[in-house]
């Protein structure tokens, strides 16, 4: 009898272990994404309704990027503010018509039209606003009873503590979650150039730091504040590593570029496929932040001191010094999105060189889940 019980116990333990190895849903307030993967927002037309809806339909959280969204409009350079509001409103509505899943908008704090974008997203009842490139200190003041969730993007426990304390004191509101973005991410980076290679600032170190920073706020209010890891996450094994570290989910951007549903041109996507490890470089952006991009002649010209003539349609980034800027970054990214890489460049994460082919979003999501589960067998 004892042997039978022992056998039953062994089977039960095995079943519990298998269940624990399955990816758990990412829960943010009353929202739940079946697969704990957030598609990172990629500005100036890389992640619009097409990509966001596909990710949401596959069980993740799809994200529309607000940065430069209006430049894709016919009057984007003539009516910058109006075009951005109109385009964001349209893309949210279009995504909503394509999915019943969870949708978000990424709105950079550094945008000079930040308030307009936030108000528009909330008016359209977007599920989540992700906000980085600065600390969104006053974000809750736009809610006015809305159920939209607010998720700041931070790069340190100190920043998470500062923001949570400020929101609690001023608005009696805590972030609904935090995204922690590390130095291996693509695009503009929330670090100094010398910190990018410093192990102290690696994602593996700052995720536990942020988890520890939010714990006192969770204990004080009795509510969970999920922490999501992002920046350089490429495989299912990577996902497992950060979930075992205590993260509730991950943010992935680079891998979603090489999908059929990504809103960028095929030439933009092929730039990822053709890139080698040596092609990924850190640039000094005109907006005053370091950024990671795929090297090309445009960036070589800039590095050699050649100025790319431009007329600023609108001071779109607060930190951009238009008078001294060697080129318009919005125009360069817009050109790249359309496939005109001779007059622009592609932002990309540190692992972009590993991408070999363009696949459907559903296949990518399935692959990541399978890799996650397979990582336990190894």
Protein backbone atom coordinates (compact mmCIF):
# COMPACT_ATOMS: atom_id res chain seq x y z
CA UNK A 1 0.00 0.00 0.00
CA UNK A 2 2.87 2.31 0.89
CA UNK A 3 4.51 1.66 -2.51
CA UNK A 4 1.26 2.54 -4.34
CA UNK A 5 0.92 5.80 -2.41
CA UNK A 6 4.53 6.64 -3.18
CA UNK A 7 3.89 6.07 -6.88
CA UNK A 8 0.74 8.21 -6.84
CA UNK A 9 2.63 10.93 -5.00
CA UNK A 10 5.40 10.83 -7.63
CA UNK A 11 2.83 11.23 -10.44
CA UNK A 12 1.12 14.11 -8.65
CA UNK A 13 4.42 15.93 -8.08
CA UNK A 14 5.33 15.42 -11.73
CA UNK A 15 1.99 16.89 -12.85
CA UNK A 16 2.41 19.91 -10.56
CA UNK A 17 5.92 20.46 -11.92
CA UNK A 18 4.67 20.34 -15.51
CA UNK A 19 1.93 22.85 -14.72
CA UNK A 20 4.43 25.23 -13.09
CA UNK A 21 6.55 25.08 -16.23
CA UNK A 22 3.76 26.44 -18.37
CA UNK A 23 3.83 30.17 -19.04
CA UNK A 24 1.38 31.93 -16.76
CA UNK A 25 -0.84 34.73 -17.99
CA UNK A 26 0.35 38.30 -17.48
CA UNK A 27 -2.20 40.01 -15.25
CA UNK A 28 -2.21 43.81 -15.01
CA UNK A 29 -5.15 44.92 -12.89
CA UNK A 30 -8.28 43.49 -14.50
CA UNK A 31 -6.46 42.80 -17.77
CA UNK A 32 -5.05 39.38 -18.60
CA UNK A 33 -2.81 38.34 -21.50
CA UNK A 34 -2.69 34.57 -21.97
CA UNK A 35 0.99 34.71 -22.92
CA UNK A 36 3.15 37.05 -20.79
CA UNK A 37 4.81 38.75 -23.76
CA UNK A 38 4.48 42.45 -24.49
CA UNK A 39 5.44 43.54 -28.00
CA UNK A 40 7.62 46.60 -27.50
CA UNK A 41 6.51 49.84 -29.11
CA UNK A 42 8.67 50.86 -32.09
CA UNK A 43 8.19 54.41 -33.27
CA UNK A 44 7.69 56.17 -36.57
CA UNK A 45 5.52 53.51 -38.08
CA UNK A 46 7.22 50.22 -37.17
CA UNK A 47 4.55 49.02 -34.75
CA UNK A 48 1.08 50.20 -35.75
CA UNK A 49 -2.31 48.48 -35.75
CA UNK A 50 -1.21 45.60 -37.98
CA UNK A 51 1.51 44.30 -35.69
CA UNK A 52 -0.25 45.20 -32.44
CA UNK A 53 -3.46 43.39 -33.39
CA UNK A 54 -1.58 40.29 -34.54
CA UNK A 55 0.30 40.04 -31.23
CA UNK A 56 -2.90 40.57 -29.24
CA UNK A 57 -4.65 37.86 -31.28
CA UNK A 58 -1.76 35.51 -30.52
CA UNK A 59 -2.27 35.97 -26.79
CA UNK A 60 0.27 38.68 -25.99
CA UNK A 61 -0.07 42.43 -25.55
CA UNK A 62 0.20 44.37 -28.80
CA UNK A 63 1.55 47.91 -28.70
CA UNK A 64 1.14 50.85 -31.09
CA UNK A 65 3.97 53.40 -30.92
CA UNK A 66 2.84 57.02 -30.84
CA UNK A 67 6.21 58.59 -31.67
CA UNK A 68 6.12 60.15 -35.14
CA UNK A 69 2.89 58.36 -36.02
CA UNK A 70 1.50 61.45 -37.74
CA UNK A 71 4.45 61.72 -40.15
CA UNK A 72 2.86 58.92 -42.15
CA UNK A 73 -0.12 61.19 -42.84
CA UNK A 74 -0.24 63.21 -46.09
CA UNK A 75 -0.15 66.45 -44.06
CA UNK A 76 2.23 65.15 -41.40
CA UNK A 77 4.79 67.90 -41.98
CA UNK A 78 2.23 70.69 -42.36
CA UNK A 79 -0.08 69.90 -39.46
CA UNK A 80 2.15 67.89 -37.13
CA UNK A 81 -0.09 68.06 -34.05
CA UNK A 82 -3.35 67.38 -35.87
CA UNK A 83 -1.87 64.60 -37.97
CA UNK A 84 -0.47 62.80 -34.92
CA UNK A 85 -3.75 62.89 -33.02
CA UNK A 86 -5.69 61.75 -36.09
CA UNK A 87 -3.27 58.93 -36.89
CA UNK A 88 -3.12 57.62 -33.33
CA UNK A 89 -6.90 57.65 -33.04
CA UNK A 90 -7.26 55.81 -36.34
CA UNK A 91 -4.63 53.15 -35.53
CA UNK A 92 -6.20 52.40 -32.13
CA UNK A 93 -9.63 52.03 -33.72
CA UNK A 94 -8.25 49.89 -36.52
CA UNK A 95 -6.46 47.60 -34.07
CA UNK A 96 -9.64 47.32 -32.01
CA UNK A 97 -11.54 46.22 -35.11
CA UNK A 98 -8.98 43.44 -35.66
CA UNK A 99 -8.68 41.98 -32.16
CA UNK A 100 -10.42 41.46 -28.84
CA UNK A 101 -7.04 41.05 -27.15
CA UNK A 102 -5.08 43.44 -24.96
CA UNK A 103 -3.75 46.56 -26.68
CA UNK A 104 -1.36 49.25 -25.53
CA UNK A 105 0.18 52.48 -26.76
CA UNK A 106 3.80 53.51 -26.16
CA UNK A 107 4.11 57.27 -25.60
CA UNK A 108 7.56 58.75 -24.98
CA UNK A 109 7.77 61.34 -22.19
CA UNK A 110 10.23 63.29 -24.34
CA UNK A 111 7.58 63.97 -27.00
CA UNK A 112 6.61 67.63 -27.10
CA UNK A 113 3.03 66.51 -27.86
CA UNK A 114 3.07 63.99 -24.99
CA UNK A 115 -0.09 65.36 -23.35
CA UNK A 116 -2.07 65.31 -26.61
CA UNK A 117 -1.07 61.72 -27.29
CA UNK A 118 -1.97 60.61 -23.76
CA UNK A 119 -5.35 62.31 -23.88
CA UNK A 120 -6.12 60.79 -27.27
CA UNK A 121 -5.18 57.27 -26.15
CA UNK A 122 -7.34 57.57 -23.04
CA UNK A 123 -10.27 58.98 -25.01
CA UNK A 124 -10.02 55.92 -27.26
CA UNK A 125 -10.11 53.69 -24.17
CA UNK A 126 -6.76 52.05 -24.86
CA UNK A 127 -6.05 49.24 -22.38
CA UNK A 128 -2.54 50.32 -21.37
CA UNK A 129 -0.22 53.29 -21.81
CA UNK A 130 3.49 52.43 -21.68
CA UNK A 131 5.68 55.48 -21.14
CA UNK A 132 9.46 55.86 -21.11
CA UNK A 133 12.28 58.07 -22.46
CA UNK A 134 11.96 60.07 -19.27
CA UNK A 135 9.89 59.61 -16.12
CA UNK A 136 6.14 60.25 -16.63
CA UNK A 137 5.73 62.08 -13.34
CA UNK A 138 2.29 63.53 -14.11
CA UNK A 139 0.76 60.70 -16.14
CA UNK A 140 -2.08 59.88 -13.70
CA UNK A 141 -3.52 63.40 -13.93
CA UNK A 142 -4.90 62.58 -17.38
CA UNK A 143 -6.96 59.57 -16.28
CA UNK A 144 -10.11 61.30 -14.95
CA UNK A 145 -11.73 58.02 -13.96
CA UNK A 146 -10.57 56.09 -17.03
CA UNK A 147 -9.75 52.39 -16.68
CA UNK A 148 -6.63 52.70 -18.85
CA UNK A 149 -3.65 51.14 -17.09
CA UNK A 150 -0.44 53.15 -16.68
CA UNK A 151 2.90 51.33 -17.04
CA UNK A 152 6.11 53.38 -16.80
CA UNK A 153 9.33 52.15 -18.41
CA UNK A 154 12.31 52.48 -16.06
CA UNK A 155 15.94 51.43 -15.98
CA UNK A 156 16.62 51.31 -12.23
CA UNK A 157 15.05 50.56 -8.87
CA UNK A 158 15.69 54.15 -7.85
CA UNK A 159 13.58 55.44 -10.73
CA UNK A 160 10.78 53.00 -9.85
CA UNK A 161 10.79 54.13 -6.21
CA UNK A 162 10.82 57.82 -7.13
CA UNK A 163 7.94 57.44 -9.55
CA UNK A 164 5.79 55.22 -7.29
CA UNK A 165 6.27 57.56 -4.33
CA UNK A 166 5.40 60.64 -6.39
CA UNK A 167 2.27 59.08 -7.89
CA UNK A 168 1.09 57.83 -4.50
CA UNK A 169 1.62 61.18 -2.78
CA UNK A 170 0.24 63.38 -5.53
CA UNK A 171 -2.48 61.22 -7.12
CA UNK A 172 -3.07 58.38 -4.64
CA UNK A 173 -2.27 56.08 -7.57
CA UNK A 174 0.42 53.47 -8.09
CA UNK A 175 1.79 52.25 -11.44
CA UNK A 176 -0.23 49.29 -12.65
CA UNK A 177 3.05 47.61 -13.63
CA UNK A 178 6.64 48.51 -14.52
CA UNK A 179 8.64 47.64 -17.61
CA UNK A 180 12.34 47.42 -16.84
CA UNK A 181 14.34 48.10 -19.99
CA UNK A 182 18.00 47.10 -20.08
CA UNK A 183 20.93 48.33 -22.19
CA UNK A 184 20.60 45.65 -24.88
CA UNK A 185 17.39 47.18 -26.19
CA UNK A 186 17.07 48.91 -29.54
CA UNK A 187 16.34 52.56 -30.20
CA UNK A 188 16.92 55.25 -27.62
CA UNK A 189 18.41 53.89 -24.40
CA UNK A 190 17.88 55.16 -20.87
CA UNK A 191 21.54 54.90 -19.95
CA UNK A 192 24.74 56.87 -20.32
CA UNK A 193 27.06 55.57 -23.03
CA UNK A 194 29.59 54.29 -20.49
CA UNK A 195 26.90 52.29 -18.67
CA UNK A 196 25.91 50.18 -21.67
CA UNK A 197 28.75 47.68 -21.22
CA UNK A 198 28.87 47.92 -17.41
CA UNK A 199 27.64 44.61 -15.88
CA UNK A 200 26.11 46.58 -12.99
CA UNK A 201 23.47 47.89 -15.42
CA UNK A 202 22.74 44.55 -17.10
CA UNK A 203 19.07 43.56 -17.22
CA UNK A 204 19.82 40.58 -14.98
CA UNK A 205 20.86 43.02 -12.26
CA UNK A 206 18.26 45.75 -12.62
CA UNK A 207 15.19 43.48 -12.77
CA UNK A 208 15.68 42.16 -9.19
CA UNK A 209 16.47 45.72 -8.12
CA UNK A 210 13.11 46.99 -9.42
CA UNK A 211 11.23 43.99 -7.97
CA UNK A 212 12.74 44.82 -4.58
CA UNK A 213 11.93 48.52 -5.01
CA UNK A 214 8.20 47.93 -5.67
CA UNK A 215 7.72 45.41 -2.87
CA UNK A 216 7.18 48.00 -0.08
CA UNK A 217 4.47 49.66 -2.19
CA UNK A 218 2.78 46.30 -2.78
CA UNK A 219 2.85 45.56 0.95
CA UNK A 220 1.54 49.02 1.82
CA UNK A 221 -1.41 48.88 -0.57
CA UNK A 222 -2.05 45.14 -0.77
CA UNK A 223 -1.97 45.07 -4.55
CA UNK A 224 0.37 43.42 -7.01
CA UNK A 225 2.62 45.56 -9.21
CA UNK A 226 3.95 43.28 -11.98
CA UNK A 227 7.49 43.85 -13.20
CA UNK A 228 8.18 43.12 -16.88
CA UNK A 229 11.72 42.60 -18.18
CA UNK A 230 12.76 44.01 -21.56
CA UNK A 231 15.83 44.65 -23.66
CA UNK A 232 17.75 41.89 -25.44
CA UNK A 233 15.29 39.08 -24.68
CA UNK A 234 15.39 36.78 -27.68
CA UNK A 235 14.51 33.15 -26.82
CA UNK A 236 12.10 31.21 -24.68
CA UNK A 237 15.03 30.35 -22.42
CA UNK A 238 15.56 34.08 -21.89
CA UNK A 239 11.91 34.40 -20.91
CA UNK A 240 12.29 31.57 -18.41
CA UNK A 241 15.36 33.19 -16.85
CA UNK A 242 13.58 36.44 -16.05
CA UNK A 243 10.34 34.81 -14.91
CA UNK A 244 12.31 32.63 -12.50
CA UNK A 245 13.96 35.86 -11.34
CA UNK A 246 10.55 37.15 -10.33
CA UNK A 247 9.39 39.03 -13.43
CA UNK A 248 5.72 38.60 -14.38
CA UNK A 249 6.44 38.81 -18.09
CA UNK A 250 8.78 40.12 -20.76
CA UNK A 251 8.84 42.82 -23.40
CA UNK A 252 10.21 41.88 -26.83
CA UNK A 253 10.51 44.29 -29.77
CA UNK A 254 13.32 43.35 -32.15
CA UNK A 255 12.02 39.88 -33.00
CA UNK A 256 8.63 41.27 -34.01
CA UNK A 257 10.20 43.40 -36.76
CA UNK A 258 10.86 40.29 -38.85
CA UNK A 259 7.21 39.25 -38.99
CA UNK A 260 4.72 39.40 -41.83
CA UNK A 261 2.46 41.70 -39.84
CA UNK A 262 5.09 44.27 -38.83
CA UNK A 263 4.08 47.63 -40.31
CA UNK A 264 7.55 48.48 -41.68
CA UNK A 265 8.58 48.00 -45.32
CA UNK A 266 10.20 44.79 -46.51
CA UNK A 267 13.50 46.64 -46.98
CA UNK A 268 13.45 47.62 -43.32
CA UNK A 269 12.81 44.02 -42.29
CA UNK A 270 15.55 42.75 -44.60
CA UNK A 271 18.02 45.12 -42.94
CA UNK A 272 17.59 42.99 -39.81
CA UNK A 273 18.00 39.72 -41.67
CA UNK A 274 21.13 40.93 -43.46
CA UNK A 275 22.76 42.49 -40.39
CA UNK A 276 25.81 40.90 -38.81
CA UNK A 277 26.75 41.20 -35.15
CA UNK A 278 29.36 43.80 -36.09
CA UNK A 279 26.70 45.93 -37.81
CA UNK A 280 24.97 46.75 -34.53
CA UNK A 281 26.36 50.03 -33.22
CA UNK A 282 25.70 52.68 -30.61
CA UNK A 283 24.97 56.12 -32.00
CA UNK A 284 24.65 59.53 -30.42
CA UNK A 285 21.13 60.62 -31.25
CA UNK A 286 20.30 64.27 -31.97
CA UNK A 287 17.88 64.07 -29.03
CA UNK A 288 20.79 63.68 -26.62
CA UNK A 289 20.52 59.96 -25.84
CA UNK A 290 22.58 57.00 -26.97
CA UNK A 291 20.76 54.62 -29.29
CA UNK A 292 21.38 51.23 -30.89
CA UNK A 293 21.02 50.96 -34.67
CA UNK A 294 22.12 48.95 -37.69
CA UNK A 295 25.15 50.56 -39.29
CA UNK A 296 24.87 51.94 -42.82
CA UNK A 297 26.23 54.70 -45.05
CA UNK A 298 23.84 57.29 -43.63
CA UNK A 299 25.28 56.78 -40.13
CA UNK A 300 28.83 56.64 -41.49
CA UNK A 301 28.31 60.04 -43.15
CA UNK A 302 27.00 61.50 -39.90
CA UNK A 303 29.96 60.11 -37.97
CA UNK A 304 32.31 61.74 -40.47
CA UNK A 305 30.72 65.09 -39.75
CA UNK A 306 28.52 65.36 -42.82
CA UNK A 307 25.32 67.25 -42.06
CA UNK A 308 22.08 66.00 -43.62
CA UNK A 309 20.04 69.12 -44.54
CA UNK A 310 16.53 69.28 -43.12
CA UNK A 311 13.74 71.62 -42.18
CA UNK A 312 12.22 70.90 -38.78
CA UNK A 313 8.44 70.54 -39.24
CA UNK A 314 7.86 70.67 -35.50
CA UNK A 315 10.07 70.46 -32.43
CA UNK A 316 8.81 66.90 -31.78
CA UNK A 317 11.36 65.83 -29.15
CA UNK A 318 11.89 68.19 -26.22
CA UNK A 319 15.59 67.36 -25.88
CA UNK A 320 16.45 67.81 -29.58
CA UNK A 321 18.77 70.76 -30.28
CA UNK A 322 17.48 71.59 -33.76
CA UNK A 323 20.18 74.19 -34.44
CA UNK A 324 23.03 71.75 -33.79
CA UNK A 325 21.43 68.50 -34.96
CA UNK A 326 23.30 66.94 -37.91
CA UNK A 327 20.04 65.43 -39.19
CA UNK A 328 16.34 65.14 -38.32
CA UNK A 329 15.95 61.83 -36.54
CA UNK A 330 12.19 61.70 -37.20
CA UNK A 331 12.76 62.13 -40.93
CA UNK A 332 15.59 59.56 -40.92
CA UNK A 333 13.40 56.98 -39.16
CA UNK A 334 10.46 57.76 -41.44
CA UNK A 335 12.66 57.19 -44.51
CA UNK A 336 13.85 53.88 -43.06
CA UNK A 337 10.30 52.75 -42.30
CA UNK A 338 9.43 53.29 -45.96
CA UNK A 339 12.54 51.39 -47.11
CA UNK A 340 14.62 54.45 -48.05
CA UNK A 341 17.67 53.43 -46.01
CA UNK A 342 19.97 55.62 -48.09
CA UNK A 343 18.42 58.56 -46.25
CA UNK A 344 17.79 56.95 -42.91
CA UNK A 345 18.63 54.03 -40.63
CA UNK A 346 16.98 51.28 -38.60
CA UNK A 347 17.00 51.14 -34.84
CA UNK A 348 17.47 47.58 -33.56
CA UNK A 349 18.18 45.59 -30.42
CA UNK A 350 21.53 43.94 -29.68
CA UNK A 351 20.30 40.55 -30.94
CA UNK A 352 18.93 41.71 -34.29
CA UNK A 353 21.80 39.94 -36.09
CA UNK A 354 20.41 36.57 -34.95
CA UNK A 355 17.25 36.94 -37.04
CA UNK A 356 17.31 34.79 -40.19
CA UNK A 357 13.83 34.97 -41.70
CA UNK A 358 10.46 36.70 -41.71
CA UNK A 359 7.67 34.70 -40.07
CA UNK A 360 4.01 35.17 -39.08
CA UNK A 361 3.48 36.61 -35.59
CA UNK A 362 1.61 33.47 -34.50
CA UNK A 363 4.58 31.28 -35.49
CA UNK A 364 6.96 33.49 -33.53
CA UNK A 365 4.76 33.39 -30.44
CA UNK A 366 4.43 29.61 -30.72
CA UNK A 367 8.19 29.28 -31.08
CA UNK A 368 8.86 31.37 -27.98
CA UNK A 369 6.42 29.32 -25.90
CA UNK A 370 7.90 26.04 -27.19
CA UNK A 371 11.42 27.27 -26.42
CA UNK A 372 10.33 28.25 -22.94
CA UNK A 373 8.94 24.79 -22.25
CA UNK A 374 11.88 23.03 -23.92
CA UNK A 375 14.37 24.97 -21.77
CA UNK A 376 13.33 22.86 -18.77
CA UNK A 377 14.31 19.66 -20.56
CA UNK A 378 17.84 20.96 -20.91
